[in-house]
N, C-alpha and C. Protein backbone atom coordinates (compact mmCIF):
# COMPACT_ATOMS: atom_id res chain seq x y z
N MET A 1 31.74 13.13 48.43
CA MET A 1 31.09 14.46 48.12
C MET A 1 30.28 14.99 48.81
N SER A 2 30.17 15.90 49.61
CA SER A 2 29.38 16.82 50.17
C SER A 2 28.26 16.99 49.26
N SER A 3 26.83 17.21 50.12
CA SER A 3 25.76 17.50 49.34
C SER A 3 25.71 19.14 48.40
N SER A 4 26.64 20.04 49.60
CA SER A 4 26.34 20.91 48.70
C SER A 4 27.22 21.07 47.00
N ARG A 5 28.27 20.53 47.51
CA ARG A 5 29.07 20.11 46.28
C ARG A 5 28.67 19.48 44.99
N ARG A 6 27.62 18.53 45.55
CA ARG A 6 26.97 17.79 44.55
C ARG A 6 25.77 18.50 43.84
N ASP A 7 25.30 19.37 44.57
CA ASP A 7 23.98 20.59 44.46
C ASP A 7 24.96 21.46 43.22
N ASP A 8 26.28 21.74 43.62
CA ASP A 8 26.69 22.80 42.49
C ASP A 8 26.94 21.83 41.19
N LEU A 9 27.07 20.65 41.09
CA LEU A 9 27.93 20.07 40.01
C LEU A 9 26.14 19.88 39.15
N SER A 10 24.98 19.75 39.83
CA SER A 10 23.91 19.70 39.10
C SER A 10 23.52 20.56 38.56
N ARG A 11 24.03 21.85 38.74
CA ARG A 11 23.84 23.17 38.05
C ARG A 11 24.78 23.20 36.89
N THR A 12 25.65 22.55 36.61
CA THR A 12 26.62 22.76 35.69
C THR A 12 25.85 22.16 34.46
N SER A 13 25.52 23.22 33.55
CA SER A 13 25.03 22.96 32.21
C SER A 13 26.17 22.26 31.48
N GLY A 14 25.66 21.29 30.70
CA GLY A 14 26.59 20.47 29.73
C GLY A 14 27.19 19.42 29.81
N GLU A 15 27.22 19.60 31.33
CA GLU A 15 28.35 18.04 31.91
C GLU A 15 27.53 17.08 31.40
N VAL A 16 28.39 16.02 31.13
CA VAL A 16 27.82 14.40 31.02
C VAL A 16 28.16 13.94 32.32
N ARG A 17 26.87 12.96 32.62
CA ARG A 17 26.68 12.27 33.63
C ARG A 17 26.34 10.68 33.40
N VAL A 18 26.91 10.00 33.90
CA VAL A 18 26.65 8.77 33.78
C VAL A 18 26.09 8.37 34.89
N GLY A 19 24.87 7.82 34.98
CA GLY A 19 24.50 7.08 36.03
C GLY A 19 22.82 6.47 35.31
N ALA A 20 21.80 6.31 36.58
CA ALA A 20 20.51 5.85 36.38
C ALA A 20 19.55 7.06 36.44
N VAL A 21 18.53 6.90 35.69
CA VAL A 21 17.27 7.50 35.49
C VAL A 21 16.34 6.79 36.02
N LEU A 22 15.44 7.10 37.07
CA LEU A 22 14.03 6.48 37.58
C LEU A 22 12.95 7.42 37.32
N PHE A 23 12.30 7.15 36.81
CA PHE A 23 10.85 7.87 36.74
C PHE A 23 9.91 7.22 37.25
N THR A 24 8.90 7.74 38.07
CA THR A 24 7.70 7.03 38.82
C THR A 24 6.34 8.19 38.24
N ASP A 25 5.69 7.02 38.11
CA ASP A 25 4.01 7.48 38.16
C ASP A 25 2.78 6.86 38.85
N LEU A 26 1.91 7.56 39.50
CA LEU A 26 1.13 7.32 40.04
C LEU A 26 -0.34 6.84 39.42
N VAL A 27 -0.45 5.44 39.58
CA VAL A 27 -1.34 5.25 38.49
C VAL A 27 -3.01 5.30 39.28
N GLY A 28 -3.72 5.73 38.08
CA GLY A 28 -5.19 6.65 38.57
C GLY A 28 -5.28 7.62 39.38
N PHE A 29 -3.87 8.44 39.11
CA PHE A 29 -3.96 9.84 39.65
C PHE A 29 -5.27 10.80 39.54
N THR A 30 -5.41 10.66 38.03
CA THR A 30 -6.42 11.62 37.60
C THR A 30 -7.66 11.26 38.08
N ASP A 31 -8.22 9.88 37.97
CA ASP A 31 -9.90 9.60 38.65
C ASP A 31 -9.30 10.10 40.10
N PHE A 32 -8.39 9.56 40.75
CA PHE A 32 -8.35 9.98 42.19
C PHE A 32 -8.69 11.69 42.52
N THR A 33 -7.85 12.28 41.90
CA THR A 33 -8.19 13.69 41.66
C THR A 33 -9.93 13.90 41.54
N ASP A 34 -10.48 13.60 40.49
CA ASP A 34 -11.81 13.74 40.38
C ASP A 34 -12.35 13.36 41.44
N ALA A 35 -12.16 12.05 42.18
CA ALA A 35 -13.04 11.64 43.26
C ALA A 35 -12.78 12.82 44.51
N VAL A 36 -11.68 13.09 44.70
CA VAL A 36 -11.17 13.88 46.13
C VAL A 36 -11.05 15.11 45.85
N GLY A 37 -10.88 15.87 44.77
CA GLY A 37 -10.71 17.03 44.48
C GLY A 37 -8.90 17.38 44.86
N ASP A 38 -8.76 18.55 44.13
CA ASP A 38 -7.57 19.22 44.20
C ASP A 38 -6.63 19.10 45.44
N ALA A 39 -7.45 19.34 46.38
CA ALA A 39 -6.57 19.34 47.89
C ALA A 39 -5.97 18.17 48.31
N GLY A 40 -7.29 17.36 48.09
CA GLY A 40 -6.85 15.83 48.28
C GLY A 40 -5.91 15.33 47.42
N ALA A 41 -5.85 15.38 46.30
CA ALA A 41 -4.56 15.14 45.48
C ALA A 41 -3.25 15.67 46.15
N LEU A 42 -3.53 16.82 46.01
CA LEU A 42 -2.11 17.43 46.57
C LEU A 42 -1.33 16.95 47.83
N GLN A 43 -2.31 16.33 48.81
CA GLN A 43 -2.12 15.76 49.61
C GLN A 43 -1.10 14.65 49.38
N VAL A 44 -1.65 13.81 48.43
CA VAL A 44 -1.17 12.59 47.93
C VAL A 44 0.46 12.88 47.53
N LEU A 45 0.47 13.86 46.61
CA LEU A 45 1.88 14.42 45.80
C LEU A 45 2.78 14.79 47.19
N ASP A 46 2.32 15.42 48.24
CA ASP A 46 3.15 15.76 49.37
C ASP A 46 3.67 14.35 50.02
N GLU A 47 2.65 13.52 50.47
CA GLU A 47 2.83 12.51 50.97
C GLU A 47 4.05 11.58 50.31
N GLN A 48 3.99 11.50 48.92
CA GLN A 48 4.70 10.65 47.79
C GLN A 48 6.31 11.58 47.66
N THR A 49 6.24 12.57 47.95
CA THR A 49 7.50 13.58 48.14
C THR A 49 8.19 13.01 49.49
N GLU A 50 7.54 13.09 50.49
CA GLU A 50 7.67 12.66 51.99
C GLU A 50 8.39 11.28 51.53
N ILE A 51 7.85 10.34 50.98
CA ILE A 51 8.29 8.98 51.07
C ILE A 51 9.50 8.72 50.28
N VAL A 52 9.73 9.47 49.16
CA VAL A 52 10.71 9.56 48.03
C VAL A 52 12.02 10.05 49.09
N ARG A 53 11.93 11.26 49.93
CA ARG A 53 12.89 11.99 50.44
C ARG A 53 13.23 10.91 51.63
N SER A 54 12.21 10.25 52.33
CA SER A 54 12.92 9.44 53.39
C SER A 54 13.61 7.94 52.79
N VAL A 55 13.47 7.75 51.34
CA VAL A 55 14.36 6.53 51.22
C VAL A 55 15.55 7.15 50.57
N LEU A 56 15.64 8.34 50.02
CA LEU A 56 16.69 9.26 49.32
C LEU A 56 17.91 9.41 50.42
N ALA A 57 17.39 9.34 51.74
CA ALA A 57 18.11 10.16 52.91
C ALA A 57 19.20 9.25 53.25
N GLY A 58 20.25 10.16 53.25
CA GLY A 58 21.59 9.44 53.72
C GLY A 58 22.55 9.09 52.23
N ARG A 59 21.75 8.89 50.87
CA ARG A 59 22.43 8.54 49.81
C ARG A 59 23.16 9.42 49.12
N ALA A 60 24.45 9.46 49.20
CA ALA A 60 24.77 10.61 48.61
C ALA A 60 24.92 10.64 47.05
N ASP A 61 24.62 9.35 46.36
CA ASP A 61 24.59 9.66 44.93
C ASP A 61 23.26 9.69 44.42
N ALA A 62 22.29 10.52 45.12
CA ALA A 62 21.06 10.22 44.87
C ALA A 62 20.34 11.56 45.05
N ARG A 63 19.41 11.81 44.04
CA ARG A 63 18.57 12.95 44.21
C ARG A 63 17.21 13.02 43.50
N LEU A 64 16.26 13.64 43.72
CA LEU A 64 15.09 13.78 43.09
C LEU A 64 15.13 14.90 42.46
N VAL A 65 15.40 14.94 41.08
CA VAL A 65 15.47 16.17 40.14
C VAL A 65 14.14 16.74 39.90
N LYS A 66 13.28 16.23 39.57
CA LYS A 66 12.20 17.36 39.60
C LYS A 66 10.50 16.45 39.66
N GLU A 67 9.75 17.12 40.11
CA GLU A 67 8.34 16.34 39.98
C GLU A 67 7.52 16.71 38.45
N LEU A 68 7.02 15.85 38.15
CA LEU A 68 6.05 15.81 36.63
C LEU A 68 4.84 15.50 37.04
N GLY A 69 3.91 16.67 37.65
CA GLY A 69 2.65 16.60 37.73
C GLY A 69 2.43 15.21 39.23
N ASP A 70 1.94 14.22 38.66
CA ASP A 70 2.08 13.01 39.60
C ASP A 70 2.92 12.12 39.47
N GLY A 71 4.28 12.19 38.79
CA GLY A 71 5.30 11.49 38.58
C GLY A 71 6.89 12.03 38.92
N LEU A 72 7.74 11.35 39.26
CA LEU A 72 8.96 11.81 39.69
C LEU A 72 10.25 11.68 38.70
N MET A 73 11.19 12.16 38.35
CA MET A 73 12.37 11.88 38.11
C MET A 73 13.52 12.00 39.11
N LEU A 74 14.15 10.71 39.22
CA LEU A 74 15.47 10.68 40.17
C LEU A 74 16.49 10.39 39.47
N TRP A 75 17.64 10.89 40.11
CA TRP A 75 18.82 10.38 39.54
C TRP A 75 19.85 9.56 40.57
N PHE A 76 20.46 8.63 40.03
CA PHE A 76 21.21 8.07 40.84
C PHE A 76 22.49 7.88 40.39
N GLY A 77 23.84 8.14 40.88
CA GLY A 77 25.35 8.23 40.64
C GLY A 77 25.74 6.84 39.94
N SER A 78 24.89 5.68 40.46
CA SER A 78 25.48 4.40 39.91
C SER A 78 24.14 3.66 39.63
N ALA A 79 24.33 2.45 38.97
CA ALA A 79 22.83 1.80 38.63
C ALA A 79 22.54 0.89 39.77
N HIS A 80 23.58 0.18 40.38
CA HIS A 80 23.30 -0.29 41.41
C HIS A 80 22.50 0.40 42.61
N GLY A 81 23.03 1.48 43.04
CA GLY A 81 22.35 2.53 43.98
C GLY A 81 20.97 2.96 43.58
N GLY A 82 21.00 2.79 42.21
CA GLY A 82 19.35 3.66 41.54
C GLY A 82 18.35 2.13 41.84
N LEU A 83 18.91 0.89 41.37
CA LEU A 83 17.94 -0.04 41.65
C LEU A 83 17.69 -0.68 43.08
N THR A 84 18.71 -0.52 43.90
CA THR A 84 18.38 -0.81 45.17
C THR A 84 17.30 0.46 45.90
N CYS A 85 17.11 1.54 45.47
CA CYS A 85 16.87 2.78 45.77
C CYS A 85 15.45 2.63 45.19
N ALA A 86 15.08 2.11 43.86
CA ALA A 86 13.87 1.87 43.53
C ALA A 86 13.16 0.97 44.03
N ILE A 87 13.75 -0.01 44.39
CA ILE A 87 13.09 -1.42 45.17
C ILE A 87 12.83 -0.98 46.42
N ALA A 88 13.64 -0.08 47.26
CA ALA A 88 13.25 0.35 48.58
C ALA A 88 12.06 1.27 48.44
N LEU A 89 11.83 2.08 47.59
CA LEU A 89 10.87 2.97 47.26
C LEU A 89 9.54 2.50 46.87
N LEU A 90 9.64 1.17 46.13
CA LEU A 90 8.45 0.41 45.67
C LEU A 90 7.89 -0.01 47.18
N GLY A 91 8.61 -0.69 48.17
CA GLY A 91 8.47 -1.19 49.19
C GLY A 91 7.96 -0.32 50.01
N ALA A 92 8.64 0.87 49.97
CA ALA A 92 7.78 1.77 50.76
C ALA A 92 6.69 2.24 50.61
N ILE A 93 6.27 2.06 49.31
CA ILE A 93 5.02 2.80 48.89
C ILE A 93 4.02 1.36 49.33
N ASP A 94 4.34 0.03 49.01
CA ASP A 94 3.69 -0.93 49.37
C ASP A 94 3.20 -0.94 50.72
N ILE A 95 4.42 -0.58 51.83
CA ILE A 95 3.82 -0.60 52.93
C ILE A 95 2.80 0.62 53.54
N ALA A 96 2.93 2.18 53.15
CA ALA A 96 2.03 2.75 53.28
C ALA A 96 0.27 2.62 52.80
N ARG A 97 0.68 2.08 51.34
CA ARG A 97 -0.74 1.52 51.00
C ARG A 97 -1.39 0.63 52.05
N SER A 98 -0.84 -0.77 52.29
CA SER A 98 -1.35 -1.59 53.07
C SER A 98 -1.57 -0.99 54.53
N ARG A 99 -1.01 -0.16 55.00
CA ARG A 99 -1.56 0.61 56.01
C ARG A 99 -2.86 1.79 55.77
N GLY A 100 -2.90 2.31 54.54
CA GLY A 100 -4.36 3.07 54.38
C GLY A 100 -3.89 4.25 54.32
N THR A 101 -2.48 4.59 54.35
CA THR A 101 -2.01 5.99 54.31
C THR A 101 -1.50 6.40 53.15
N PHE A 102 -1.54 5.72 52.00
CA PHE A 102 -1.28 6.01 50.50
C PHE A 102 -2.22 5.29 49.51
N PRO A 103 -3.17 5.97 48.79
CA PRO A 103 -3.98 5.33 48.21
C PRO A 103 -3.56 4.98 47.02
N LEU A 104 -2.52 5.22 46.39
CA LEU A 104 -2.53 4.71 45.20
C LEU A 104 -1.43 3.98 44.83
N ALA A 105 -1.20 3.10 43.73
CA ALA A 105 0.14 2.35 43.37
C ALA A 105 0.87 3.06 42.57
N VAL A 106 2.19 2.89 42.19
CA VAL A 106 2.86 3.45 41.71
C VAL A 106 3.72 2.59 40.64
N ARG A 107 3.73 3.17 39.32
CA ARG A 107 4.67 2.57 38.22
C ARG A 107 6.08 3.28 38.20
N MET A 108 7.10 2.61 37.56
CA MET A 108 8.22 2.71 37.52
C MET A 108 9.13 2.07 37.02
N GLY A 109 10.14 3.27 36.22
CA GLY A 109 10.87 2.45 35.21
C GLY A 109 12.30 2.99 35.43
N ILE A 110 13.62 2.26 35.10
CA ILE A 110 14.79 2.78 35.62
C ILE A 110 15.72 2.40 34.23
N HIS A 111 16.73 3.14 34.16
CA HIS A 111 17.41 3.13 32.70
C HIS A 111 18.69 3.58 32.98
N HIS A 112 19.86 2.92 32.73
CA HIS A 112 21.14 3.60 32.95
C HIS A 112 21.72 4.10 31.69
N GLY A 113 22.72 5.19 31.45
CA GLY A 113 23.72 5.58 30.60
C GLY A 113 23.83 6.95 31.03
N GLN A 114 23.91 7.59 30.10
CA GLN A 114 24.66 9.10 30.03
C GLN A 114 23.36 10.02 29.77
N ALA A 115 23.71 11.04 30.84
CA ALA A 115 22.55 12.39 30.57
C ALA A 115 23.30 13.24 30.61
N ILE A 116 22.85 14.67 30.21
CA ILE A 116 23.63 16.00 30.22
C ILE A 116 22.84 16.99 31.33
N ALA A 117 23.76 17.56 31.96
CA ALA A 117 23.15 18.66 32.98
C ALA A 117 22.96 19.53 32.24
N ARG A 118 21.64 20.11 32.38
CA ARG A 118 20.84 21.50 31.99
C ARG A 118 20.27 22.33 33.30
N GLY A 119 21.15 22.83 33.94
CA GLY A 119 21.01 23.40 35.13
C GLY A 119 20.64 22.66 36.23
N ASP A 120 19.68 22.46 37.29
CA ASP A 120 19.25 21.39 38.09
C ASP A 120 18.74 20.06 37.14
N ASP A 121 18.32 20.13 35.80
CA ASP A 121 17.62 19.11 35.18
C ASP A 121 18.37 18.45 34.64
N LEU A 122 18.16 17.35 33.92
CA LEU A 122 19.00 16.14 33.22
C LEU A 122 18.37 16.05 31.83
N VAL A 123 18.86 15.80 30.76
CA VAL A 123 18.46 15.35 29.49
C VAL A 123 19.22 14.36 28.63
N GLY A 124 18.36 13.93 27.79
CA GLY A 124 19.25 13.05 26.87
C GLY A 124 18.61 11.86 26.66
N GLN A 125 19.05 10.90 25.70
CA GLN A 125 18.20 9.93 25.52
C GLN A 125 18.28 8.75 26.69
N THR A 126 18.83 8.76 27.34
CA THR A 126 18.68 7.97 28.70
C THR A 126 17.39 8.67 29.71
N VAL A 127 17.41 9.69 29.56
CA VAL A 127 16.25 10.02 30.59
C VAL A 127 14.75 9.89 29.83
N ASN A 128 14.84 10.08 28.11
CA ASN A 128 14.25 9.73 27.29
C ASN A 128 13.50 8.25 27.79
N ILE A 129 14.53 7.57 27.58
CA ILE A 129 14.11 5.74 27.55
C ILE A 129 13.89 5.45 28.71
N ALA A 130 14.20 5.80 30.06
CA ALA A 130 13.82 5.77 31.56
C ALA A 130 12.20 6.14 31.34
N ALA A 131 11.79 7.52 30.73
CA ALA A 131 10.55 7.79 30.89
C ALA A 131 9.63 6.55 29.98
N ARG A 132 9.87 6.22 28.98
CA ARG A 132 9.43 5.16 28.30
C ARG A 132 8.85 3.91 28.94
N VAL A 133 10.27 3.40 29.73
CA VAL A 133 10.28 2.17 30.30
C VAL A 133 9.23 2.39 31.48
N ALA A 134 9.03 3.55 32.35
CA ALA A 134 8.21 3.24 33.34
C ALA A 134 6.75 3.49 32.63
N ALA A 135 6.60 4.05 31.69
CA ALA A 135 5.23 4.25 30.95
C ALA A 135 4.53 2.77 30.64
N LEU A 136 5.62 1.79 30.42
CA LEU A 136 5.31 0.27 30.13
C LEU A 136 5.01 -0.61 31.56
N ALA A 137 5.32 -0.02 32.47
CA ALA A 137 5.32 -0.98 33.95
C ALA A 137 3.64 -0.61 34.23
N GLY A 138 3.22 -1.58 34.83
CA GLY A 138 2.05 -1.73 35.46
C GLY A 138 2.11 -1.25 36.81
N PRO A 139 0.86 -1.27 37.24
CA PRO A 139 0.37 -0.81 38.85
C PRO A 139 1.07 -1.22 39.53
N GLY A 140 2.17 -1.04 40.17
CA GLY A 140 2.98 -1.90 41.59
C GLY A 140 4.25 -2.51 41.17
N GLU A 141 4.45 -2.02 39.59
CA GLU A 141 5.54 -2.25 39.02
C GLU A 141 6.91 -1.77 38.87
N LEU A 142 8.14 -2.66 38.88
CA LEU A 142 9.58 -1.55 38.63
C LEU A 142 9.63 -2.29 37.53
N LEU A 143 10.06 -1.74 36.26
CA LEU A 143 10.84 -2.31 34.97
C LEU A 143 12.23 -1.67 34.92
N VAL A 144 13.20 -2.69 34.78
CA VAL A 144 14.48 -2.38 34.84
C VAL A 144 14.97 -2.70 33.39
N SER A 145 15.79 -1.69 32.97
CA SER A 145 16.61 -2.08 31.44
C SER A 145 17.64 -2.89 31.90
N GLU A 146 17.96 -3.62 30.26
CA GLU A 146 19.19 -4.39 30.77
C GLU A 146 20.27 -3.78 30.85
N SER A 147 20.22 -2.29 30.26
CA SER A 147 21.75 -1.41 30.79
C SER A 147 21.94 -1.40 32.14
N VAL A 148 20.99 -1.24 33.10
CA VAL A 148 20.91 -1.18 34.68
C VAL A 148 21.77 -2.40 34.94
N LEU A 149 21.08 -3.57 34.93
CA LEU A 149 21.65 -4.91 34.87
C LEU A 149 23.28 -5.17 34.62
N ALA A 150 23.60 -4.28 33.49
CA ALA A 150 24.86 -4.72 32.63
C ALA A 150 25.70 -3.58 33.78
N ALA A 151 25.23 -2.54 33.78
CA ALA A 151 25.96 -1.58 34.61
C ALA A 151 26.22 -1.89 36.08
N CYS A 152 25.30 -2.86 36.67
CA CYS A 152 25.80 -3.31 38.10
C CYS A 152 26.59 -4.32 38.69
N ASP A 153 26.76 -4.73 37.01
CA ASP A 153 28.42 -5.84 37.15
C ASP A 153 28.20 -6.80 37.79
N GLY A 154 27.19 -7.42 38.18
CA GLY A 154 26.73 -8.69 38.84
C GLY A 154 26.10 -8.33 40.24
N GLU A 155 26.06 -6.83 40.78
CA GLU A 155 25.77 -6.73 41.83
C GLU A 155 24.03 -6.88 42.19
N ALA A 156 23.52 -6.92 41.17
CA ALA A 156 22.29 -7.41 41.16
C ALA A 156 21.78 -8.54 40.98
N ALA A 157 23.06 -9.54 41.14
CA ALA A 157 22.25 -11.03 41.23
C ALA A 157 21.65 -11.40 41.98
N GLY A 158 21.08 -10.79 43.11
CA GLY A 158 20.51 -11.44 44.48
C GLY A 158 19.05 -10.45 44.17
N VAL A 159 18.86 -10.04 42.88
CA VAL A 159 17.72 -9.26 42.89
C VAL A 159 16.86 -10.30 42.26
N PRO A 160 15.27 -10.61 42.84
CA PRO A 160 14.51 -11.32 41.96
C PRO A 160 13.81 -10.85 40.78
N MET A 161 14.17 -11.45 39.79
CA MET A 161 13.70 -10.66 38.40
C MET A 161 13.04 -11.63 37.50
N GLN A 162 12.07 -11.06 36.65
CA GLN A 162 11.39 -11.90 35.42
C GLN A 162 11.50 -11.03 34.33
N PRO A 163 12.27 -11.91 33.13
CA PRO A 163 12.78 -11.14 31.81
C PRO A 163 11.48 -10.95 31.50
N VAL A 164 11.22 -9.79 30.92
CA VAL A 164 10.20 -9.43 30.46
C VAL A 164 10.52 -9.63 28.59
N GLY A 165 11.65 -9.23 28.31
CA GLY A 165 12.05 -9.46 26.95
C GLY A 165 12.30 -8.27 25.96
N PRO A 166 12.48 -7.88 24.96
CA PRO A 166 12.61 -6.56 24.15
C PRO A 166 10.95 -5.84 24.02
N ALA A 167 11.41 -4.65 24.35
CA ALA A 167 10.30 -3.76 24.10
C ALA A 167 10.50 -2.91 23.06
N VAL A 168 9.57 -2.55 22.31
CA VAL A 168 9.90 -1.20 21.27
C VAL A 168 9.35 -0.05 21.75
N VAL A 169 10.42 1.33 22.32
CA VAL A 169 9.66 2.24 22.45
C VAL A 169 9.86 3.40 21.68
N ARG A 170 8.58 4.21 21.47
CA ARG A 170 8.70 5.27 20.85
C ARG A 170 10.03 6.28 20.75
N GLY A 171 10.34 6.30 19.45
CA GLY A 171 11.69 7.37 19.54
C GLY A 171 13.06 6.67 19.72
N VAL A 172 12.81 5.30 19.66
CA VAL A 172 14.15 4.63 20.11
C VAL A 172 14.19 3.65 18.92
N GLN A 173 15.22 3.40 17.93
CA GLN A 173 15.48 2.54 17.05
C GLN A 173 15.60 0.67 17.41
N GLU A 174 16.06 0.59 18.36
CA GLU A 174 16.64 -0.80 18.82
C GLU A 174 15.76 -1.06 20.15
N PRO A 175 15.00 -2.20 19.95
CA PRO A 175 14.22 -2.27 21.37
C PRO A 175 15.08 -2.49 22.46
N ILE A 176 14.50 -2.02 23.85
CA ILE A 176 15.11 -2.20 25.06
C ILE A 176 14.63 -3.34 25.93
N TRP A 177 15.63 -4.29 26.14
CA TRP A 177 15.07 -5.44 26.96
C TRP A 177 15.17 -4.91 28.35
N LEU A 178 13.89 -5.46 28.81
CA LEU A 178 13.47 -5.20 30.13
C LEU A 178 13.21 -6.35 31.04
N HIS A 179 13.37 -6.48 32.15
CA HIS A 179 12.92 -7.28 33.27
C HIS A 179 12.06 -6.54 34.22
N ARG A 180 11.60 -7.36 35.06
CA ARG A 180 10.33 -6.75 36.08
C ARG A 180 10.87 -7.62 37.58
N VAL A 181 11.02 -6.58 38.13
CA VAL A 181 11.70 -6.93 39.55
C VAL A 181 10.17 -7.59 40.45
N THR A 182 11.00 -8.92 40.98
CA THR A 182 9.47 -9.38 41.57
C THR A 182 9.52 -9.54 43.03
N VAL A 183 10.01 -8.79 44.00
CA VAL A 183 10.36 -8.52 44.79
C VAL A 183 8.62 -8.46 46.00
């Protein structure tokens, strides 16, 4: 599917999508902003966006949905694509940190399911759960819900993960089973 066609689809309100939602959050961003000022913080946000865009380049089923302060929401048409891209993003940020070009760690969470298009945005319980999963992650950590692994249908077998177990998240009746990527 061409990118212009994909963009047209993203603006179709009410369309149900099945895929993976990834949320990111920069750890310690408020303290960092206090230390370096707004201009320095803006540079970090710009660098984060560049890293994400470079990781997403060439991936037809992926897009940056929106920026949320120091966090991002990304959409992937497949669970496996989302998982591999999230791992690549975590690695790219770790490399930038080790080189001294990116000062903060990132926490991430990914969940798979249905979302509803609302203009360029996506809404629904899958989005809510992905945000809650990201909030549970520690610095430099990617948490993956069981729904992602189930949707990968065995394609994630080679990804090193450690079971975290069930997590109770606000607004969701059933616990969400989580795994930590250990790459």
